[in-house]
Amino acid sequence: MRMTSSAVRAVLTDFWFHKLRRSVSHVSRPVRCAARLWGVIAIIVWIVQWTSDYRRSRTAQDILDERFAQGEIDRTEYEEKRKLIGSRTGDW
């Protein structure tokens, strides 16, 4: 049985296509696996941050209240800084 040139071309094309596909898959498989791993890690971090108070940023008033409650500053300093924060005009 004799093969025509188009049949030979089809067999060679099919062979090289599968060989190329196999060699590319050996390279791309670890890349895809790493991308999936980083994607899962990113999703887990996002869920943890979303469910916790991590995403709530503290305002200057929150920090001032906390410092006053811990006794780091006295009442006069607290009142002075509270007025400064409330006026929203600072010497920047």
PDB file of N, CA and C in Angstrom:
ATOM      1  N   MET A   1       0.840  -1.169   0.000  1.00  0.00           N
ATOM      2  CA  MET A   1       0.000   0.000   0.000  1.00  0.00           C
ATOM      3  C   MET A   1       0.889   1.237   0.000  1.00  0.00           C
ATOM      4  N   ARG A   2       0.657   2.054  -0.947  1.00  0.00           N
ATOM      5  CA  ARG A   2       1.469   3.237  -1.135  1.00  0.00           C
ATOM      6  C   ARG A   2       0.722   4.469  -0.635  1.00  0.00           C
ATOM      7  N   MET A   3       1.456   5.355   0.111  1.00  0.00           N
ATOM      8  CA  MET A   3       0.826   6.547   0.666  1.00  0.00           C
ATOM      9  C   MET A   3       1.058   7.721  -0.271  1.00  0.00           C
ATOM     10  N   THR A   4       0.059   8.524  -0.396  1.00  0.00           N
ATOM     11  CA  THR A   4       0.192   9.729  -1.220  1.00  0.00           C
ATOM     12  C   THR A   4       0.913  10.795  -0.408  1.00  0.00           C
ATOM     13  N   SER A   5       1.319  11.847  -1.106  1.00  0.00           N
ATOM     14  CA  SER A   5       2.063  12.905  -0.430  1.00  0.00           C
ATOM     15  C   SER A   5       1.188  13.622   0.602  1.00  0.00           C
ATOM     16  N   SER A   6      -0.093  13.752   0.344  1.00  0.00           N
ATOM     17  CA  SER A   6      -0.970  14.410   1.315  1.00  0.00           C
ATOM     18  C   SER A   6      -1.149  13.540   2.554  1.00  0.00           C
ATOM     19  N   ALA A   7      -1.164  12.220   2.372  1.00  0.00           N
ATOM     20  CA  ALA A   7      -1.286  11.324   3.522  1.00  0.00           C
ATOM     21  C   ALA A   7      -0.013  11.365   4.361  1.00  0.00           C
ATOM     22  N   VAL A   8       1.147  11.405   3.702  1.00  0.00           N
ATOM     23  CA  VAL A   8       2.419  11.502   4.412  1.00  0.00           C
ATOM     24  C   VAL A   8       2.483  12.820   5.170  1.00  0.00           C
ATOM     25  N   ARG A   9       2.067  13.898   4.515  1.00  0.00           N
ATOM     26  CA  ARG A   9       2.057  15.211   5.152  1.00  0.00           C
ATOM     27  C   ARG A   9       1.128  15.206   6.371  1.00  0.00           C
ATOM     28  N   ALA A  10      -0.014  14.561   6.266  1.00  0.00           N
ATOM     29  CA  ALA A  10      -0.966  14.494   7.372  1.00  0.00           C
ATOM     30  C   ALA A  10      -0.387  13.700   8.541  1.00  0.00           C
ATOM     31  N   VAL A  11       0.289  12.597   8.237  1.00  0.00           N
ATOM     32  CA  VAL A  11       0.884  11.783   9.295  1.00  0.00           C
ATOM     33  C   VAL A  11       2.001  12.550   9.982  1.00  0.00           C
ATOM     34  N   LEU A  12       2.871  13.201   9.217  1.00  0.00           N
ATOM     35  CA  LEU A  12       3.964  13.964   9.808  1.00  0.00           C
ATOM     36  C   LEU A  12       3.449  15.161  10.611  1.00  0.00           C
ATOM     37  N   THR A  13       2.456  15.841  10.064  1.00  0.00           N
ATOM     38  CA  THR A  13       1.876  16.978  10.776  1.00  0.00           C
ATOM     39  C   THR A  13       1.267  16.515  12.089  1.00  0.00           C
ATOM     40  N   ASP A  14       0.531  15.422  12.056  1.00  0.00           N
ATOM     41  CA  ASP A  14      -0.089  14.881  13.258  1.00  0.00           C
ATOM     42  C   ASP A  14       0.976  14.481  14.274  1.00  0.00           C
ATOM     43  N   PHE A  15       2.046  13.838  13.825  1.00  0.00           N
ATOM     44  CA  PHE A  15       3.121  13.423  14.721  1.00  0.00           C
ATOM     45  C   PHE A  15       3.779  14.632  15.384  1.00  0.00           C
ATOM     46  N   TRP A  16       4.159  15.621  14.571  1.00  0.00           N
ATOM     47  CA  TRP A  16       4.841  16.789  15.122  1.00  0.00           C
ATOM     48  C   TRP A  16       3.917  17.618  16.013  1.00  0.00           C
ATOM     49  N   PHE A  17       2.637  17.682  15.663  1.00  0.00           N
ATOM     50  CA  PHE A  17       1.685  18.413  16.491  1.00  0.00           C
ATOM     51  C   PHE A  17       1.592  17.782  17.877  1.00  0.00           C
ATOM     52  N   HIS A  18       1.459  16.466  17.938  1.00  0.00           N
ATOM     53  CA  HIS A  18       1.347  15.806  19.228  1.00  0.00           C
ATOM     54  C   HIS A  18       2.659  15.864  20.014  1.00  0.00           C
ATOM     55  N   LYS A  19       3.788  15.765  19.316  1.00  0.00           N
ATOM     56  CA  LYS A  19       5.069  15.870  20.000  1.00  0.00           C
ATOM     57  C   LYS A  19       5.256  17.275  20.572  1.00  0.00           C
ATOM     58  N   LEU A  20       4.924  18.284  19.770  1.00  0.00           N
ATOM     59  CA  LEU A  20       5.031  19.663  20.235  1.00  0.00           C
ATOM     60  C   LEU A  20       4.069  19.908  21.397  1.00  0.00           C
ATOM     61  N   ARG A  21       2.872  19.416  21.270  1.00  0.00           N
ATOM     62  CA  ARG A  21       1.875  19.595  22.323  1.00  0.00           C
ATOM     63  C   ARG A  21       2.338  18.934  23.619  1.00  0.00           C
ATOM     64  N   ARG A  22       2.917  17.774  23.512  1.00  0.00           N
ATOM     65  CA  ARG A  22       3.401  17.060  24.686  1.00  0.00           C
ATOM     66  C   ARG A  22       4.566  17.810  25.330  1.00  0.00           C
ATOM     67  N   SER A  23       5.483  18.345  24.526  1.00  0.00           N
ATOM     68  CA  SER A  23       6.631  19.053  25.089  1.00  0.00           C
ATOM     69  C   SER A  23       6.204  20.381  25.712  1.00  0.00           C
ATOM     70  N   VAL A  24       5.230  21.054  25.118  1.00  0.00           N
ATOM     71  CA  VAL A  24       4.743  22.304  25.688  1.00  0.00           C
ATOM     72  C   VAL A  24       3.989  22.031  26.975  1.00  0.00           C
ATOM     73  N   SER A  25       3.247  20.928  27.021  1.00  0.00           N
ATOM     74  CA  SER A  25       2.484  20.636  28.235  1.00  0.00           C
ATOM     75  C   SER A  25       3.421  20.322  29.403  1.00  0.00           C
ATOM     76  N   HIS A  26       4.596  19.774  29.125  1.00  0.00           N
ATOM     77  CA  HIS A  26       5.551  19.509  30.207  1.00  0.00           C
ATOM     78  C   HIS A  26       6.077  20.812  30.795  1.00  0.00           C
ATOM     79  N   VAL A  27       6.166  21.836  29.978  1.00  0.00           N
ATOM     80  CA  VAL A  27       6.630  23.129  30.457  1.00  0.00           C
ATOM     81  C   VAL A  27       5.489  23.893  31.114  1.00  0.00           C
ATOM     82  N   SER A  28       4.321  23.868  30.517  1.00  0.00           N
ATOM     83  CA  SER A  28       3.225  24.697  31.006  1.00  0.00           C
ATOM     84  C   SER A  28       2.516  24.099  32.212  1.00  0.00           C
ATOM     85  N   ARG A  29       2.615  22.812  32.432  1.00  0.00           N
ATOM     86  CA  ARG A  29       1.927  22.190  33.567  1.00  0.00           C
ATOM     87  C   ARG A  29       2.387  22.766  34.904  1.00  0.00           C
ATOM     88  N   PRO A  30       3.694  22.902  35.164  1.00  0.00           N
ATOM     89  CA  PRO A  30       4.103  23.519  36.437  1.00  0.00           C
ATOM     90  C   PRO A  30       3.678  24.977  36.555  1.00  0.00           C
ATOM     91  N   VAL A  31       3.675  25.690  35.433  1.00  0.00           N
ATOM     92  CA  VAL A  31       3.259  27.089  35.455  1.00  0.00           C
ATOM     93  C   VAL A  31       1.774  27.182  35.807  1.00  0.00           C
ATOM     94  N   ARG A  32       0.969  26.347  35.183  1.00  0.00           N
ATOM     95  CA  ARG A  32      -0.466  26.338  35.493  1.00  0.00           C
ATOM     96  C   ARG A  32      -0.702  25.931  36.932  1.00  0.00           C
ATOM     97  N   CYS A  33       0.042  24.961  37.422  1.00  0.00           N
ATOM     98  CA  CYS A  33      -0.102  24.496  38.796  1.00  0.00           C
ATOM     99  C   CYS A  33       0.268  25.614  39.776  1.00  0.00           C
ATOM    100  N   ALA A  34       1.348  26.316  39.516  1.00  0.00           N
ATOM    101  CA  ALA A  34       1.757  27.425  40.388  1.00  0.00           C
ATOM    102  C   ALA A  34       0.723  28.549  40.346  1.00  0.00           C
ATOM    103  N   ALA A  35       0.185  28.836  39.175  1.00  0.00           N
ATOM    104  CA  ALA A  35      -0.835  29.878  39.068  1.00  0.00           C
ATOM    105  C   ALA A  35      -2.079  29.508  39.866  1.00  0.00           C
ATOM    106  N   ARG A  36      -2.473  28.268  39.790  1.00  0.00           N
ATOM    107  CA  ARG A  36      -3.633  27.822  40.572  1.00  0.00           C
ATOM    108  C   ARG A  36      -3.347  27.920  42.065  1.00  0.00           C
ATOM    109  N   LEU A  37      -2.150  27.521  42.473  1.00  0.00           N
ATOM    110  CA  LEU A  37      -1.784  27.579  43.883  1.00  0.00           C
ATOM    111  C   LEU A  37      -1.825  29.016  44.391  1.00  0.00           C
ATOM    112  N   TRP A  38      -1.226  29.952  43.646  1.00  0.00           N
ATOM    113  CA  TRP A  38      -1.246  31.357  44.053  1.00  0.00           C
ATOM    114  C   TRP A  38      -2.663  31.918  44.030  1.00  0.00           C
ATOM    115  N   GLY A  39      -3.485  31.445  43.108  1.00  0.00           N
ATOM    116  CA  GLY A  39      -4.882  31.873  43.076  1.00  0.00           C
ATOM    117  C   GLY A  39      -5.633  31.422  44.311  1.00  0.00           C
ATOM    118  N   VAL A  40      -5.429  30.177  44.714  1.00  0.00           N
ATOM    119  CA  VAL A  40      -6.084  29.663  45.919  1.00  0.00           C
ATOM    120  C   VAL A  40      -5.591  30.418  47.154  1.00  0.00           C
ATOM    121  N   ILE A  41      -4.291  30.674  47.229  1.00  0.00           N
ATOM    122  CA  ILE A  41      -3.747  31.422  48.363  1.00  0.00           C
ATOM    123  C   ILE A  41      -4.342  32.830  48.408  1.00  0.00           C
ATOM    124  N   ALA A  42      -4.450  33.484  47.260  1.00  0.00           N
ATOM    125  CA  ALA A  42      -5.015  34.837  47.211  1.00  0.00           C
ATOM    126  C   ALA A  42      -6.470  34.839  47.657  1.00  0.00           C
ATOM    127  N   ILE A  43      -7.225  33.831  47.255  1.00  0.00           N
ATOM    128  CA  ILE A  43      -8.629  33.746  47.659  1.00  0.00           C
ATOM    129  C   ILE A  43      -8.742  33.530  49.164  1.00  0.00           C
ATOM    130  N   ILE A  44      -7.904  32.672  49.715  1.00  0.00           N
ATOM    131  CA  ILE A  44      -7.939  32.418  51.160  1.00  0.00           C
ATOM    132  C   ILE A  44      -7.586  33.690  51.929  1.00  0.00           C
ATOM    133  N   VAL A  45      -6.558  34.406  51.502  1.00  0.00           N
ATOM    134  CA  VAL A  45      -6.172  35.651  52.172  1.00  0.00           C
ATOM    135  C   VAL A  45      -7.304  36.667  52.084  1.00  0.00           C
ATOM    136  N   TRP A  46      -7.940  36.776  50.923  1.00  0.00           N
ATOM    137  CA  TRP A  46      -9.046  37.720  50.743  1.00  0.00           C
ATOM    138  C   TRP A  46     -10.208  37.375  51.668  1.00  0.00           C
ATOM    139  N   ILE A  47     -10.534  36.090  51.785  1.00  0.00           N
ATOM    140  CA  ILE A  47     -11.637  35.674  52.654  1.00  0.00           C
ATOM    141  C   ILE A  47     -11.318  35.980  54.113  1.00  0.00           C
ATOM    142  N   VAL A  48     -10.089  35.700  54.537  1.00  0.00           N
ATOM    143  CA  VAL A  48      -9.700  35.975  55.922  1.00  0.00           C
ATOM    144  C   VAL A  48      -9.776  37.472  56.205  1.00  0.00           C
ATOM    145  N   GLN A  49      -9.282  38.291  55.297  1.00  0.00           N
ATOM    146  CA  GLN A  49      -9.332  39.733  55.500  1.00  0.00           C
ATOM    147  C   GLN A  49     -10.769  40.242  55.482  1.00  0.00           C
ATOM    148  N   TRP A  50     -11.587  39.690  54.636  1.00  0.00           N
ATOM    149  CA  TRP A  50     -12.971  40.134  54.499  1.00  0.00           C
ATOM    150  C   TRP A  50     -13.792  39.789  55.734  1.00  0.00           C
ATOM    151  N   THR A  51     -13.517  38.643  56.334  1.00  0.00           N
ATOM    152  CA  THR A  51     -14.304  38.212  57.493  1.00  0.00           C
ATOM    153  C   THR A  51     -13.779  38.775  58.807  1.00  0.00           C
ATOM    154  N   SER A  52     -12.598  39.345  58.806  1.00  0.00           N
ATOM    155  CA  SER A  52     -12.043  39.884  60.050  1.00  0.00           C
ATOM    156  C   SER A  52     -12.162  41.401  60.050  1.00  0.00           C
ATOM    157  N   ASP A  53     -11.736  42.009  61.127  1.00  0.00           N
ATOM    158  CA  ASP A  53     -11.727  43.469  61.217  1.00  0.00           C
ATOM    159  C   ASP A  53     -10.488  44.063  60.559  1.00  0.00           C
ATOM    160  N   TYR A  54      -9.731  43.264  59.856  1.00  0.00           N
ATOM    161  CA  TYR A  54      -8.496  43.727  59.236  1.00  0.00           C
ATOM    162  C   TYR A  54      -8.754  44.861  58.247  1.00  0.00           C
ATOM    163  N   ARG A  55      -9.869  44.794  57.520  1.00  0.00           N
ATOM    164  CA  ARG A  55     -10.110  45.779  56.480  1.00  0.00           C
ATOM    165  C   ARG A  55     -10.620  47.106  57.034  1.00  0.00           C
ATOM    166  N   ARG A  56     -11.029  47.142  58.296  1.00  0.00           N
ATOM    167  CA  ARG A  56     -11.501  48.388  58.899  1.00  0.00           C
ATOM    168  C   ARG A  56     -10.289  49.225  59.285  1.00  0.00           C
ATOM    169  N   SER A  57     -10.164  50.384  58.699  1.00  0.00           N
ATOM    170  CA  SER A  57      -9.029  51.236  59.041  1.00  0.00           C
ATOM    171  C   SER A  57      -9.403  52.098  60.243  1.00  0.00           C
ATOM    172  N   ARG A  58      -8.426  52.321  61.082  1.00  0.00           N
ATOM    173  CA  ARG A  58      -8.655  53.132  62.278  1.00  0.00           C
ATOM    174  C   ARG A  58      -8.516  54.601  61.916  1.00  0.00           C
ATOM    175  N   THR A  59      -9.426  55.393  62.430  1.00  0.00           N
ATOM    176  CA  THR A  59      -9.363  56.822  62.188  1.00  0.00           C
ATOM    177  C   THR A  59      -8.490  57.470  63.274  1.00  0.00           C
ATOM    178  N   ALA A  60      -8.195  58.733  63.061  1.00  0.00           N
ATOM    179  CA  ALA A  60      -7.402  59.462  64.048  1.00  0.00           C
ATOM    180  C   ALA A  60      -8.155  59.552  65.372  1.00  0.00           C
ATOM    181  N   GLN A  61      -9.476  59.684  65.297  1.00  0.00           N
ATOM    182  CA  GLN A  61     -10.284  59.759  66.515  1.00  0.00           C
ATOM    183  C   GLN A  61     -10.220  58.439  67.279  1.00  0.00           C
ATOM    184  N   ASP A  62     -10.248  57.310  66.560  1.00  0.00           N
ATOM    185  CA  ASP A  62     -10.136  55.996  67.214  1.00  0.00           C
ATOM    186  C   ASP A  62      -8.807  55.866  67.955  1.00  0.00           C
ATOM    187  N   ILE A  63      -7.738  56.282  67.323  1.00  0.00           N
ATOM    188  CA  ILE A  63      -6.411  56.188  67.934  1.00  0.00           C
ATOM    189  C   ILE A  63      -6.320  57.110  69.146  1.00  0.00           C
ATOM    190  N   LEU A  64      -6.873  58.308  69.015  1.00  0.00           N
ATOM    191  CA  LEU A  64      -6.863  59.250  70.137  1.00  0.00           C
ATOM    192  C   LEU A  64      -7.654  58.703  71.323  1.00  0.00           C
ATOM    193  N   ASP A  65      -8.837  58.148  71.056  1.00  0.00           N
ATOM    194  CA  ASP A  65      -9.649  57.556  72.123  1.00  0.00           C
ATOM    195  C   ASP A  65      -8.910  56.410  72.807  1.00  0.00           C
ATOM    196  N   GLU A  66      -8.237  55.610  72.020  1.00  0.00           N
ATOM    197  CA  GLU A  66      -7.488  54.471  72.563  1.00  0.00           C
ATOM    198  C   GLU A  66      -6.333  54.940  73.459  1.00  0.00           C
ATOM    199  N   ARG A  67      -5.624  55.956  73.004  1.00  0.00           N
ATOM    200  CA  ARG A  67      -4.503  56.480  73.804  1.00  0.00           C
ATOM    201  C   ARG A  67      -5.001  57.095  75.108  1.00  0.00           C
ATOM    202  N   PHE A  68      -6.150  57.761  75.048  1.00  0.00           N
ATOM    203  CA  PHE A  68      -6.716  58.359  76.269  1.00  0.00           C
ATOM    204  C   PHE A  68      -7.181  57.266  77.229  1.00  0.00           C
ATOM    205  N   ALA A  69      -7.798  56.216  76.704  1.00  0.00           N
ATOM    206  CA  ALA A  69      -8.281  55.116  77.543  1.00  0.00           C
ATOM    207  C   ALA A  69      -7.118  54.373  78.205  1.00  0.00           C
ATOM    208  N   GLN A  70      -5.986  54.293  77.534  1.00  0.00           N
ATOM    209  CA  GLN A  70      -4.828  53.591  78.097  1.00  0.00           C
ATOM    210  C   GLN A  70      -4.011  54.480  79.037  1.00  0.00           C
ATOM    211  N   GLY A  71      -4.377  55.744  79.113  1.00  0.00           N
ATOM    212  CA  GLY A  71      -3.671  56.654  80.007  1.00  0.00           C
ATOM    213  C   GLY A  71      -2.395  57.221  79.431  1.00  0.00           C
ATOM    214  N   GLU A  72      -2.184  57.111  78.141  1.00  0.00           N
ATOM    215  CA  GLU A  72      -0.976  57.661  77.530  1.00  0.00           C
ATOM    216  C   GLU A  72      -1.013  59.183  77.492  1.00  0.00           C
ATOM    217  N   ILE A  73      -2.207  59.753  77.382  1.00  0.00           N
ATOM    218  CA  ILE A  73      -2.353  61.205  77.359  1.00  0.00           C
ATOM    219  C   ILE A  73      -3.371  61.618  78.426  1.00  0.00           C
ATOM    220  N   ASP A  74      -3.260  62.856  78.906  1.00  0.00           N
ATOM    221  CA  ASP A  74      -4.201  63.324  79.930  1.00  0.00           C
ATOM    222  C   ASP A  74      -5.398  64.014  79.263  1.00  0.00           C
ATOM    223  N   ARG A  75      -6.361  64.444  80.099  1.00  0.00           N
ATOM    224  CA  ARG A  75      -7.611  64.996  79.579  1.00  0.00           C
ATOM    225  C   ARG A  75      -7.381  66.280  78.779  1.00  0.00           C
ATOM    226  N   THR A  76      -6.490  67.152  79.217  1.00  0.00           N
ATOM    227  CA  THR A  76      -6.273  68.413  78.490  1.00  0.00           C
ATOM    228  C   THR A  76      -5.680  68.161  77.108  1.00  0.00           C
ATOM    229  N   GLU A  77      -4.717  67.253  77.041  1.00  0.00           N
ATOM    230  CA  GLU A  77      -4.131  66.916  75.730  1.00  0.00           C
ATOM    231  C   GLU A  77      -5.165  66.239  74.837  1.00  0.00           C
ATOM    232  N   TYR A  78      -6.010  65.387  75.442  1.00  0.00           N
ATOM    233  CA  TYR A  78      -7.060  64.708  74.689  1.00  0.00           C
ATOM    234  C   TYR A  78      -8.031  65.723  74.086  1.00  0.00           C
ATOM    235  N   GLU A  79      -8.485  66.662  74.911  1.00  0.00           N
ATOM    236  CA  GLU A  79      -9.443  67.671  74.444  1.00  0.00           C
ATOM    237  C   GLU A  79      -8.828  68.537  73.348  1.00  0.00           C
ATOM    238  N   GLU A  80      -7.566  68.903  73.528  1.00  0.00           N
ATOM    239  CA  GLU A  80      -6.879  69.740  72.543  1.00  0.00           C
ATOM    240  C   GLU A  80      -6.792  69.029  71.186  1.00  0.00           C
ATOM    241  N   LYS A  81      -6.372  67.760  71.218  1.00  0.00           N
ATOM    242  CA  LYS A  81      -6.228  67.014  69.967  1.00  0.00           C
ATOM    243  C   LYS A  81      -7.580  66.680  69.352  1.00  0.00           C
ATOM    244  N   ARG A  82      -8.600  66.469  70.194  1.00  0.00           N
ATOM    245  CA  ARG A  82      -9.931  66.179  69.670  1.00  0.00           C
ATOM    246  C   ARG A  82     -10.482  67.389  68.922  1.00  0.00           C
ATOM    247  N   LYS A  83     -10.245  68.585  69.460  1.00  0.00           N
ATOM    248  CA  LYS A  83     -10.673  69.801  68.769  1.00  0.00           C
ATOM    249  C   LYS A  83      -9.917  69.971  67.464  1.00  0.00           C
ATOM    250  N   LEU A  84      -8.630  69.647  67.480  1.00  0.00           N
ATOM    251  CA  LEU A  84      -7.815  69.759  66.269  1.00  0.00           C
ATOM    252  C   LEU A  84      -8.304  68.793  65.191  1.00  0.00           C
ATOM    253  N   ILE A  85      -8.621  67.578  65.593  1.00  0.00           N
ATOM    254  CA  ILE A  85      -9.130  66.589  64.623  1.00  0.00           C
ATOM    255  C   ILE A  85     -10.496  67.005  64.119  1.00  0.00           C
ATOM    256  N   GLY A  86     -11.340  67.526  65.024  1.00  0.00           N
ATOM    257  CA  GLY A  86     -12.693  67.928  64.655  1.00  0.00           C
ATOM    258  C   GLY A  86     -12.716  69.115  63.709  1.00  0.00           C
ATOM    259  N   SER A  87     -11.769  70.014  63.855  1.00  0.00           N
ATOM    260  CA  SER A  87     -11.756  71.200  62.989  1.00  0.00           C
ATOM    261  C   SER A  87     -11.250  70.887  61.588  1.00  0.00           C
ATOM    262  N   ARG A  88     -10.531  69.767  61.455  1.00  0.00           N
ATOM    263  CA  ARG A  88      -9.981  69.325  60.158  1.00  0.00           C
ATOM    264  C   ARG A  88      -9.018  70.326  59.539  1.00  0.00           C
ATOM    265  N   THR A  89      -8.467  71.185  60.372  1.00  0.00           N
ATOM    266  CA  THR A  89      -7.437  72.106  59.866  1.00  0.00           C
ATOM    267  C   THR A  89      -6.170  71.861  60.666  1.00  0.00           C
ATOM    268  N   GLY A  90      -5.205  71.325  60.044  1.00  0.00           N
ATOM    269  CA  GLY A  90      -3.943  71.052  60.706  1.00  0.00           C
ATOM    270  C   GLY A  90      -2.824  71.832  60.045  1.00  0.00           C
ATOM    271  N   ASP A  91      -1.748  71.986  60.738  1.00  0.00           N
ATOM    272  CA  ASP A  91      -0.576  72.655  60.164  1.00  0.00           C
ATOM    273  C   ASP A  91       0.260  71.619  59.406  1.00  0.00           C
ATOM    274  N   TRP A  92      -0.061  71.395  58.184  1.00  0.00           N
ATOM    275  CA  TRP A  92       0.653  70.396  57.369  1.00  0.00           C
ATOM    276  C   TRP A  92       1.750  71.096  56.658  1.00  0.00           C
TER     277      TRP A  92
END
